[in-house]
């Protein structure tokens, strides 16, 4: 086992079907209310201009709205370094581009192209908030949340600075959905800090273990359990639920080619 990373976490945010508000999300994470699936559209990101909102796809809106909520709950300004993680990128736009290229007039829209790149959400976030801090964009298939969390924790340790951590994905259209099923739109976000703040919810001790581990699950009967597999960002739910329930617990998150993160959670 490698050396451990220690940080504090605040601003827990989950966006997706059934998460009607931050307060409702807290109750769902604690298991005090049953989750009910519903039609969902992400909140309108306040930091994006009307023109940027029109150009942005669902994945960007999910990521930016989740990041806004996490920063507000953590009491942090928008000038933090950030790590954005998405397994699929903007599948709707990639699918439209592929259809265009395969069609009789293969002329790609510049707007579609700049929205198709993997760091589109980070770019919209930086522009909308005039944020000049560094940002990293990650894609790691089903382990995207764990990889995003690890990268953010490493930056907190190395630079002794708070870091915004956001993982998000939206369903893919057919035919991409036939080979990569993502059932619901979801975004999860939080702020990691080197020391406790008034908004801190828990202390995390994170160790990267280069061997397979069995993924931690939600408690038996928890109605959010199906969402863990419904979207790669759902891998955050066992951790977020433990923090919301103020549990001292050790969790396992699979991460990167037969390795895992061992996360010791201590409520603060």
C-alpha atoms as a PDB file:
ATOM      1  CA  UNK A   1       0.000   0.000   0.000  1.00  0.00           C
ATOM      2  CA  UNK A   2       1.273   3.452  -0.895  1.00  0.00           C
ATOM      3  CA  UNK A   3       1.361   6.468   1.420  1.00  0.00           C
ATOM      4  CA  UNK A   4      -2.041   7.823   2.348  1.00  0.00           C
ATOM      5  CA  UNK A   5      -3.535  11.165   1.351  1.00  0.00           C
ATOM      6  CA  UNK A   6      -5.486  13.092   3.975  1.00  0.00           C
ATOM      7  CA  UNK A   7      -8.041  15.781   3.166  1.00  0.00           C
ATOM      8  CA  UNK A   8     -11.399  17.127   4.292  1.00  0.00           C
ATOM      9  CA  UNK A   9     -14.584  17.136   2.229  1.00  0.00           C
ATOM     10  CA  UNK A  10     -17.476  19.596   2.062  1.00  0.00           C
ATOM     11  CA  UNK A  11     -20.223  20.728  -0.276  1.00  0.00           C
ATOM     12  CA  UNK A  12     -21.552  17.271  -1.185  1.00  0.00           C
ATOM     13  CA  UNK A  13     -23.885  17.609  -4.168  1.00  0.00           C
ATOM     14  CA  UNK A  14     -25.838  15.075  -6.220  1.00  0.00           C
ATOM     15  CA  UNK A  15     -27.871  16.072  -9.280  1.00  0.00           C
ATOM     16  CA  UNK A  16     -30.119  13.646 -11.105  1.00  0.00           C
ATOM     17  CA  UNK A  17     -33.640  12.186 -11.294  1.00  0.00           C
ATOM     18  CA  UNK A  18     -35.356  12.332  -7.908  1.00  0.00           C
ATOM     19  CA  UNK A  19     -32.939  14.883  -6.439  1.00  0.00           C
ATOM     20  CA  UNK A  20     -35.325  17.819  -6.359  1.00  0.00           C
ATOM     21  CA  UNK A  21     -33.176  20.093  -4.178  1.00  0.00           C
ATOM     22  CA  UNK A  22     -29.988  20.003  -2.079  1.00  0.00           C
ATOM     23  CA  UNK A  23     -32.102  19.465   1.047  1.00  0.00           C
ATOM     24  CA  UNK A  24     -33.987  16.582  -0.577  1.00  0.00           C
ATOM     25  CA  UNK A  25     -30.678  15.128  -1.696  1.00  0.00           C
ATOM     26  CA  UNK A  26     -29.399  15.102   1.884  1.00  0.00           C
ATOM     27  CA  UNK A  27     -32.486  13.235   3.052  1.00  0.00           C
ATOM     28  CA  UNK A  28     -32.081  10.711   0.228  1.00  0.00           C
ATOM     29  CA  UNK A  29     -28.415  10.165   1.048  1.00  0.00           C
ATOM     30  CA  UNK A  30     -29.242   9.610   4.718  1.00  0.00           C
ATOM     31  CA  UNK A  31     -31.937   7.098   3.753  1.00  0.00           C
ATOM     32  CA  UNK A  32     -34.682   9.139   5.400  1.00  0.00           C
ATOM     33  CA  UNK A  33     -36.765   9.261   2.208  1.00  0.00           C
ATOM     34  CA  UNK A  34     -37.284   6.750  -0.571  1.00  0.00           C
ATOM     35  CA  UNK A  35     -35.861   7.670  -3.932  1.00  0.00           C
ATOM     36  CA  UNK A  36     -38.452   8.030  -6.692  1.00  0.00           C
ATOM     37  CA  UNK A  37     -37.356   8.203 -10.321  1.00  0.00           C
ATOM     38  CA  UNK A  38     -38.710  11.199 -12.250  1.00  0.00           C
ATOM     39  CA  UNK A  39     -38.131  13.114 -15.452  1.00  0.00           C
ATOM     40  CA  UNK A  40     -35.096  15.317 -15.063  1.00  0.00           C
ATOM     41  CA  UNK A  41     -33.532  18.419 -16.543  1.00  0.00           C
ATOM     42  CA  UNK A  42     -30.437  19.930 -14.878  1.00  0.00           C
ATOM     43  CA  UNK A  43     -30.727  23.319 -13.162  1.00  0.00           C
ATOM     44  CA  UNK A  44     -29.830  26.337 -15.282  1.00  0.00           C
ATOM     45  CA  UNK A  45     -26.190  27.147 -14.384  1.00  0.00           C
ATOM     46  CA  UNK A  46     -26.117  30.688 -13.019  1.00  0.00           C
ATOM     47  CA  UNK A  47     -22.513  31.258 -14.081  1.00  0.00           C
ATOM     48  CA  UNK A  48     -23.164  30.691 -17.792  1.00  0.00           C
ATOM     49  CA  UNK A  49     -24.293  33.529 -20.033  1.00  0.00           C
ATOM     50  CA  UNK A  50     -27.467  33.056 -22.127  1.00  0.00           C
ATOM     51  CA  UNK A  51     -25.340  32.346 -25.225  1.00  0.00           C
ATOM     52  CA  UNK A  52     -23.260  29.740 -23.391  1.00  0.00           C
ATOM     53  CA  UNK A  53     -26.406  28.089 -22.021  1.00  0.00           C
ATOM     54  CA  UNK A  54     -27.777  27.736 -25.562  1.00  0.00           C
ATOM     55  CA  UNK A  55     -24.559  26.164 -26.830  1.00  0.00           C
ATOM     56  CA  UNK A  56     -23.977  23.827 -23.879  1.00  0.00           C
ATOM     57  CA  UNK A  57     -25.278  20.273 -23.863  1.00  0.00           C
ATOM     58  CA  UNK A  58     -26.729  18.357 -20.919  1.00  0.00           C
ATOM     59  CA  UNK A  59     -23.348  17.091 -19.697  1.00  0.00           C
ATOM     60  CA  UNK A  60     -21.942  20.612 -19.429  1.00  0.00           C
ATOM     61  CA  UNK A  61     -25.059  21.888 -17.669  1.00  0.00           C
ATOM     62  CA  UNK A  62     -24.952  18.955 -15.230  1.00  0.00           C
ATOM     63  CA  UNK A  63     -21.294  19.518 -14.405  1.00  0.00           C
ATOM     64  CA  UNK A  64     -21.466  23.296 -14.052  1.00  0.00           C
ATOM     65  CA  UNK A  65     -24.669  23.240 -11.985  1.00  0.00           C
ATOM     66  CA  UNK A  66     -23.238  20.580  -9.650  1.00  0.00           C
ATOM     67  CA  UNK A  67     -19.991  22.523  -9.276  1.00  0.00           C
ATOM     68  CA  UNK A  68     -21.939  25.696  -8.419  1.00  0.00           C
ATOM     69  CA  UNK A  69     -23.951  23.903  -5.733  1.00  0.00           C
ATOM     70  CA  UNK A  70     -20.871  22.249  -4.228  1.00  0.00           C
ATOM     71  CA  UNK A  71     -18.964  25.530  -3.962  1.00  0.00           C
ATOM     72  CA  UNK A  72     -21.951  27.318  -2.426  1.00  0.00           C
ATOM     73  CA  UNK A  73     -22.430  24.555   0.167  1.00  0.00           C
ATOM     74  CA  UNK A  74     -18.698  24.490   0.943  1.00  0.00           C
ATOM     75  CA  UNK A  75     -18.491  28.272   1.298  1.00  0.00           C
ATOM     76  CA  UNK A  76     -15.736  28.474  -1.334  1.00  0.00           C
ATOM     77  CA  UNK A  77     -15.191  30.958  -4.161  1.00  0.00           C
ATOM     78  CA  UNK A  78     -15.159  29.843  -7.792  1.00  0.00           C
ATOM     79  CA  UNK A  79     -11.436  30.489  -8.307  1.00  0.00           C
ATOM     80  CA  UNK A  80     -10.362  27.035  -7.074  1.00  0.00           C
ATOM     81  CA  UNK A  81      -8.385  24.483  -9.070  1.00  0.00           C
ATOM     82  CA  UNK A  82     -10.733  21.809 -10.345  1.00  0.00           C
ATOM     83  CA  UNK A  83     -10.907  18.199 -11.511  1.00  0.00           C
ATOM     84  CA  UNK A  84     -13.797  17.236 -13.800  1.00  0.00           C
ATOM     85  CA  UNK A  85     -14.414  13.577 -14.601  1.00  0.00           C
ATOM     86  CA  UNK A  86     -16.712  12.096 -17.232  1.00  0.00           C
ATOM     87  CA  UNK A  87     -16.748   8.546 -18.531  1.00  0.00           C
ATOM     88  CA  UNK A  88     -18.702   9.208 -21.734  1.00  0.00           C
ATOM     89  CA  UNK A  89     -18.099  12.863 -22.520  1.00  0.00           C
ATOM     90  CA  UNK A  90     -20.959  14.470 -24.441  1.00  0.00           C
ATOM     91  CA  UNK A  91     -22.286  11.390 -26.218  1.00  0.00           C
ATOM     92  CA  UNK A  92     -25.202  13.213 -27.818  1.00  0.00           C
ATOM     93  CA  UNK A  93     -22.858  15.602 -29.621  1.00  0.00           C
ATOM     94  CA  UNK A  94     -20.349  12.887 -30.540  1.00  0.00           C
ATOM     95  CA  UNK A  95     -23.214  10.828 -31.979  1.00  0.00           C
ATOM     96  CA  UNK A  96     -24.469  13.785 -34.024  1.00  0.00           C
ATOM     97  CA  UNK A  97     -20.953  14.405 -35.375  1.00  0.00           C
ATOM     98  CA  UNK A  98     -20.551  10.766 -36.372  1.00  0.00           C
ATOM     99  CA  UNK A  99     -23.873  10.867 -38.193  1.00  0.00           C
ATOM    100  CA  UNK A 100     -22.781  14.009 -40.020  1.00  0.00           C
ATOM    101  CA  UNK A 101     -19.444  12.520 -41.057  1.00  0.00           C
ATOM    102  CA  UNK A 102     -21.227   9.401 -42.331  1.00  0.00           C
ATOM    103  CA  UNK A 103     -23.763  11.455 -44.275  1.00  0.00           C
ATOM    104  CA  UNK A 104     -23.695  12.969 -47.750  1.00  0.00           C
ATOM    105  CA  UNK A 105     -22.456  16.388 -46.538  1.00  0.00           C
ATOM    106  CA  UNK A 106     -19.740  15.683 -43.910  1.00  0.00           C
ATOM    107  CA  UNK A 107     -19.243  19.271 -42.756  1.00  0.00           C
ATOM    108  CA  UNK A 108     -18.913  19.509 -38.988  1.00  0.00           C
ATOM    109  CA  UNK A 109     -20.273  22.443 -37.021  1.00  0.00           C
ATOM    110  CA  UNK A 110     -17.501  24.311 -35.127  1.00  0.00           C
ATOM    111  CA  UNK A 111     -19.858  24.634 -32.147  1.00  0.00           C
ATOM    112  CA  UNK A 112     -20.475  20.893 -32.129  1.00  0.00           C
ATOM    113  CA  UNK A 113     -16.761  20.203 -32.373  1.00  0.00           C
ATOM    114  CA  UNK A 114     -15.756  22.417 -29.437  1.00  0.00           C
ATOM    115  CA  UNK A 115     -18.537  20.861 -27.334  1.00  0.00           C
ATOM    116  CA  UNK A 116     -17.345  17.339 -28.192  1.00  0.00           C
ATOM    117  CA  UNK A 117     -13.927  17.553 -26.535  1.00  0.00           C
ATOM    118  CA  UNK A 118     -13.495  15.865 -23.164  1.00  0.00           C
ATOM    119  CA  UNK A 119     -12.680  19.077 -21.293  1.00  0.00           C
ATOM    120  CA  UNK A 120     -15.748  20.988 -22.538  1.00  0.00           C
ATOM    121  CA  UNK A 121     -17.317  21.217 -19.072  1.00  0.00           C
ATOM    122  CA  UNK A 122     -14.070  22.466 -17.533  1.00  0.00           C
ATOM    123  CA  UNK A 123     -13.813  25.089 -20.275  1.00  0.00           C
ATOM    124  CA  UNK A 124     -17.373  26.340 -19.755  1.00  0.00           C
ATOM    125  CA  UNK A 125     -16.744  26.421 -15.993  1.00  0.00           C
ATOM    126  CA  UNK A 126     -13.546  28.427 -16.371  1.00  0.00           C
ATOM    127  CA  UNK A 127     -15.088  30.898 -18.829  1.00  0.00           C
ATOM    128  CA  UNK A 128     -18.348  31.317 -16.926  1.00  0.00           C
ATOM    129  CA  UNK A 129     -16.573  32.005 -13.644  1.00  0.00           C
ATOM    130  CA  UNK A 130     -13.535  33.845 -15.036  1.00  0.00           C
ATOM    131  CA  UNK A 131     -11.523  31.186 -13.210  1.00  0.00           C
ATOM    132  CA  UNK A 132      -7.841  31.043 -14.155  1.00  0.00           C
ATOM    133  CA  UNK A 133      -6.901  28.221 -11.789  1.00  0.00           C
ATOM    134  CA  UNK A 134      -5.688  24.983 -13.350  1.00  0.00           C
ATOM    135  CA  UNK A 135      -8.206  22.300 -14.275  1.00  0.00           C
ATOM    136  CA  UNK A 136      -7.811  18.607 -15.070  1.00  0.00           C
ATOM    137  CA  UNK A 137     -10.306  16.544 -17.078  1.00  0.00           C
ATOM    138  CA  UNK A 138     -10.427  12.775 -16.550  1.00  0.00           C
ATOM    139  CA  UNK A 139     -12.067   9.833 -18.253  1.00  0.00           C
ATOM    140  CA  UNK A 140     -11.640   6.383 -16.687  1.00  0.00           C
ATOM    141  CA  UNK A 141     -14.694   4.370 -17.754  1.00  0.00           C
ATOM    142  CA  UNK A 142     -16.565   3.026 -14.704  1.00  0.00           C
ATOM    143  CA  UNK A 143     -13.764   4.143 -12.372  1.00  0.00           C
ATOM    144  CA  UNK A 144     -14.088   7.801 -13.352  1.00  0.00           C
ATOM    145  CA  UNK A 145     -15.334   9.002  -9.950  1.00  0.00           C
ATOM    146  CA  UNK A 146     -12.569   7.180  -8.066  1.00  0.00           C
ATOM    147  CA  UNK A 147      -9.914   8.514 -10.450  1.00  0.00           C
ATOM    148  CA  UNK A 148     -11.320  12.038 -10.179  1.00  0.00           C
ATOM    149  CA  UNK A 149     -11.323  11.857  -6.376  1.00  0.00           C
ATOM    150  CA  UNK A 150      -7.758  10.504  -6.330  1.00  0.00           C
ATOM    151  CA  UNK A 151      -6.487  13.251  -8.656  1.00  0.00           C
ATOM    152  CA  UNK A 152      -8.172  15.956  -6.569  1.00  0.00           C
ATOM    153  CA  UNK A 153      -6.793  14.533  -3.307  1.00  0.00           C
ATOM    154  CA  UNK A 154      -3.293  14.373  -4.789  1.00  0.00           C
ATOM    155  CA  UNK A 155      -3.541  18.039  -5.763  1.00  0.00           C
ATOM    156  CA  UNK A 156      -4.759  19.025  -2.295  1.00  0.00           C
ATOM    157  CA  UNK A 157      -1.767  17.199  -0.802  1.00  0.00           C
ATOM    158  CA  UNK A 158       0.787  18.551  -3.273  1.00  0.00           C
ATOM    159  CA  UNK A 159      -0.350  22.168  -3.427  1.00  0.00           C
ATOM    160  CA  UNK A 160      -2.029  22.526  -0.025  1.00  0.00           C
ATOM    161  CA  UNK A 161      -5.039  24.184  -1.643  1.00  0.00           C
ATOM    162  CA  UNK A 162      -8.784  23.454  -1.868  1.00  0.00           C
ATOM    163  CA  UNK A 163      -9.829  21.616  -5.048  1.00  0.00           C
ATOM    164  CA  UNK A 164     -13.246  21.256  -6.675  1.00  0.00           C
ATOM    165  CA  UNK A 165     -14.024  17.637  -7.595  1.00  0.00           C
ATOM    166  CA  UNK A 166     -16.900  16.893 -10.020  1.00  0.00           C
ATOM    167  CA  UNK A 167     -17.937  13.670 -11.810  1.00  0.00           C
ATOM    168  CA  UNK A 168     -20.819  13.605 -14.272  1.00  0.00           C
ATOM    169  CA  UNK A 169     -22.359  11.706 -17.185  1.00  0.00           C
ATOM    170  CA  UNK A 170     -25.534  11.651 -19.274  1.00  0.00           C
ATOM    171  CA  UNK A 171     -27.196   8.791 -21.192  1.00  0.00           C
ATOM    172  CA  UNK A 172     -25.872   8.056 -24.664  1.00  0.00           C
ATOM    173  CA  UNK A 173     -28.184   7.977 -27.698  1.00  0.00           C
ATOM    174  CA  UNK A 174     -28.553   4.917 -29.911  1.00  0.00           C
ATOM    175  CA  UNK A 175     -26.466   3.301 -31.369  1.00  0.00           C
ATOM    176  CA  UNK A 176     -23.792   4.285 -28.807  1.00  0.00           C
ATOM    177  CA  UNK A 177     -26.135   3.208 -26.026  1.00  0.00           C
ATOM    178  CA  UNK A 178     -26.056  -0.356 -27.369  1.00  0.00           C
ATOM    179  CA  UNK A 179     -22.411  -0.692 -26.325  1.00  0.00           C
ATOM    180  CA  UNK A 180     -22.285   1.720 -23.365  1.00  0.00           C
ATOM    181  CA  UNK A 181     -25.394   1.801 -21.211  1.00  0.00           C
ATOM    182  CA  UNK A 182     -25.785   4.879 -18.991  1.00  0.00           C
ATOM    183  CA  UNK A 183     -29.339   4.835 -17.703  1.00  0.00           C
ATOM    184  CA  UNK A 184     -29.788   8.272 -16.132  1.00  0.00           C
ATOM    185  CA  UNK A 185     -28.131  11.712 -16.080  1.00  0.00           C
ATOM    186  CA  UNK A 186     -26.185  12.336 -12.882  1.00  0.00           C
ATOM    187  CA  UNK A 187     -23.516  14.613 -11.474  1.00  0.00           C
ATOM    188  CA  UNK A 188     -21.737  14.463  -8.122  1.00  0.00           C
ATOM    189  CA  UNK A 189     -19.493  17.208  -6.776  1.00  0.00           C
ATOM    190  CA  UNK A 190     -17.627  18.198  -3.622  1.00  0.00           C
ATOM    191  CA  UNK A 191     -14.772  20.383  -2.444  1.00  0.00           C
ATOM    192  CA  UNK A 192     -11.663  18.835  -0.912  1.00  0.00           C
ATOM    193  CA  UNK A 193      -9.586  20.974   1.452  1.00  0.00           C
ATOM    194  CA  UNK A 194      -6.228  20.427   3.169  1.00  0.00           C
ATOM    195  CA  UNK A 195      -7.594  21.409   6.590  1.00  0.00           C
ATOM    196  CA  UNK A 196     -11.000  21.390   8.215  1.00  0.00           C
ATOM    197  CA  UNK A 197     -13.300  24.359   7.588  1.00  0.00           C
ATOM    198  CA  UNK A 198     -16.627  25.366   9.114  1.00  0.00           C
ATOM    199  CA  UNK A 199     -18.344  23.554   6.234  1.00  0.00           C
ATOM    200  CA  UNK A 200     -16.315  20.323   6.466  1.00  0.00           C
ATOM    201  CA  UNK A 201     -18.366  17.150   6.700  1.00  0.00           C
ATOM    202  CA  UNK A 202     -15.660  14.496   7.097  1.00  0.00           C
ATOM    203  CA  UNK A 203     -11.961  13.760   7.088  1.00  0.00           C
ATOM    204  CA  UNK A 204     -10.838  11.340   4.375  1.00  0.00           C
ATOM    205  CA  UNK A 205      -7.728   9.175   4.485  1.00  0.00           C
ATOM    206  CA  UNK A 206      -7.264   7.827   0.954  1.00  0.00           C
ATOM    207  CA  UNK A 207      -4.852   5.027   0.054  1.00  0.00           C
ATOM    208  CA  UNK A 208      -4.207   3.685  -3.457  1.00  0.00           C
ATOM    209  CA  UNK A 209      -3.920  -0.108  -3.238  1.00  0.00           C
ATOM    210  CA  UNK A 210      -2.482  -1.825  -6.357  1.00  0.00           C
ATOM    211  CA  UNK A 211      -4.624  -4.943  -6.148  1.00  0.00           C
ATOM    212  CA  UNK A 212      -8.293  -5.746  -6.767  1.00  0.00           C
ATOM    213  CA  UNK A 213     -10.871  -4.885  -4.123  1.00  0.00           C
ATOM    214  CA  UNK A 214     -14.582  -5.471  -3.663  1.00  0.00           C
ATOM    215  CA  UNK A 215     -16.544  -2.265  -4.206  1.00  0.00           C
ATOM    216  CA  UNK A 216     -18.388  -0.931  -1.174  1.00  0.00           C
ATOM    217  CA  UNK A 217     -22.145  -0.776  -1.462  1.00  0.00           C
ATOM    218  CA  UNK A 218     -24.935   1.229   0.106  1.00  0.00           C
ATOM    219  CA  UNK A 219     -26.655  -0.205   3.210  1.00  0.00           C
ATOM    220  CA  UNK A 220     -29.221  -2.954   2.610  1.00  0.00           C
ATOM    221  CA  UNK A 221     -32.542  -1.482   1.593  1.00  0.00           C
ATOM    222  CA  UNK A 222     -31.134   1.936   0.673  1.00  0.00           C
ATOM    223  CA  UNK A 223     -33.268   3.140  -2.225  1.00  0.00           C
ATOM    224  CA  UNK A 224     -30.337   4.840  -3.975  1.00  0.00           C
ATOM    225  CA  UNK A 225     -28.594   1.478  -4.490  1.00  0.00           C
ATOM    226  CA  UNK A 226     -29.797   1.014  -8.111  1.00  0.00           C
ATOM    227  CA  UNK A 227     -28.281   4.389  -9.043  1.00  0.00           C
ATOM    228  CA  UNK A 228     -24.746   3.224  -8.269  1.00  0.00           C
ATOM    229  CA  UNK A 229     -24.771   1.143 -11.475  1.00  0.00           C
ATOM    230  CA  UNK A 230     -27.035   3.479 -13.460  1.00  0.00           C
ATOM    231  CA  UNK A 231     -24.345   6.096 -14.090  1.00  0.00           C
ATOM    232  CA  UNK A 232     -20.540   6.091 -13.547  1.00  0.00           C
ATOM    233  CA  UNK A 233     -20.932   9.133 -11.271  1.00  0.00           C
ATOM    234  CA  UNK A 234     -23.154   6.957  -9.075  1.00  0.00           C
ATOM    235  CA  UNK A 235     -19.995   5.280  -7.744  1.00  0.00           C
ATOM    236  CA  UNK A 236     -19.785   8.310  -5.426  1.00  0.00           C
ATOM    237  CA  UNK A 237     -23.017   7.438  -3.617  1.00  0.00           C
ATOM    238  CA  UNK A 238     -21.660   4.988  -0.986  1.00  0.00           C
ATOM    239  CA  UNK A 239     -19.099   7.614   0.070  1.00  0.00           C
ATOM    240  CA  UNK A 240     -21.549  10.523   0.012  1.00  0.00           C
ATOM    241  CA  UNK A 241     -24.175   8.501   1.903  1.00  0.00           C
ATOM    242  CA  UNK A 242     -21.675   7.523   4.621  1.00  0.00           C
ATOM    243  CA  UNK A 243     -20.708  11.191   5.043  1.00  0.00           C
ATOM    244  CA  UNK A 244     -24.351  12.318   5.120  1.00  0.00           C
ATOM    245  CA  UNK A 245     -25.134   9.657   7.741  1.00  0.00           C
ATOM    246  CA  UNK A 246     -22.061  10.713   9.757  1.00  0.00           C
ATOM    247  CA  UNK A 247     -20.631   7.204   9.677  1.00  0.00           C
ATOM    248  CA  UNK A 248     -17.061   6.355  10.595  1.00  0.00           C
ATOM    249  CA  UNK A 249     -16.374   3.715   7.990  1.00  0.00           C
ATOM    250  CA  UNK A 250     -13.745   2.352   5.592  1.00  0.00           C
ATOM    251  CA  UNK A 251     -14.865   2.092   1.969  1.00  0.00           C
ATOM    252  CA  UNK A 252     -13.410   0.471  -1.145  1.00  0.00           C
ATOM    253  CA  UNK A 253     -13.692   2.054  -4.603  1.00  0.00           C
ATOM    254  CA  UNK A 254     -12.260   0.142  -7.601  1.00  0.00           C
ATOM    255  CA  UNK A 255      -9.781   2.355  -9.432  1.00  0.00           C
ATOM    256  CA  UNK A 256      -7.636   1.845 -12.510  1.00  0.00           C
ATOM    257  CA  UNK A 257      -6.727  -1.635 -13.728  1.00  0.00           C
ATOM    258  CA  UNK A 258      -7.047  -4.062 -10.838  1.00  0.00           C
ATOM    259  CA  UNK A 259      -6.435  -1.506  -8.091  1.00  0.00           C
ATOM    260  CA  UNK A 260      -8.664   0.227  -5.583  1.00  0.00           C
ATOM    261  CA  UNK A 261      -8.923   3.188  -3.254  1.00  0.00           C
ATOM    262  CA  UNK A 262      -9.262   2.467   0.452  1.00  0.00           C
ATOM    263  CA  UNK A 263     -11.049   5.433   2.012  1.00  0.00           C
ATOM    264  CA  UNK A 264     -11.272   5.896   5.768  1.00  0.00           C
ATOM    265  CA  UNK A 265     -14.138   8.284   6.556  1.00  0.00           C
ATOM    266  CA  UNK A 266     -14.136  10.144   9.893  1.00  0.00           C
ATOM    267  CA  UNK A 267     -17.051  12.551  10.503  1.00  0.00           C
ATOM    268  CA  UNK A 268     -16.081  16.058  11.639  1.00  0.00           C
END
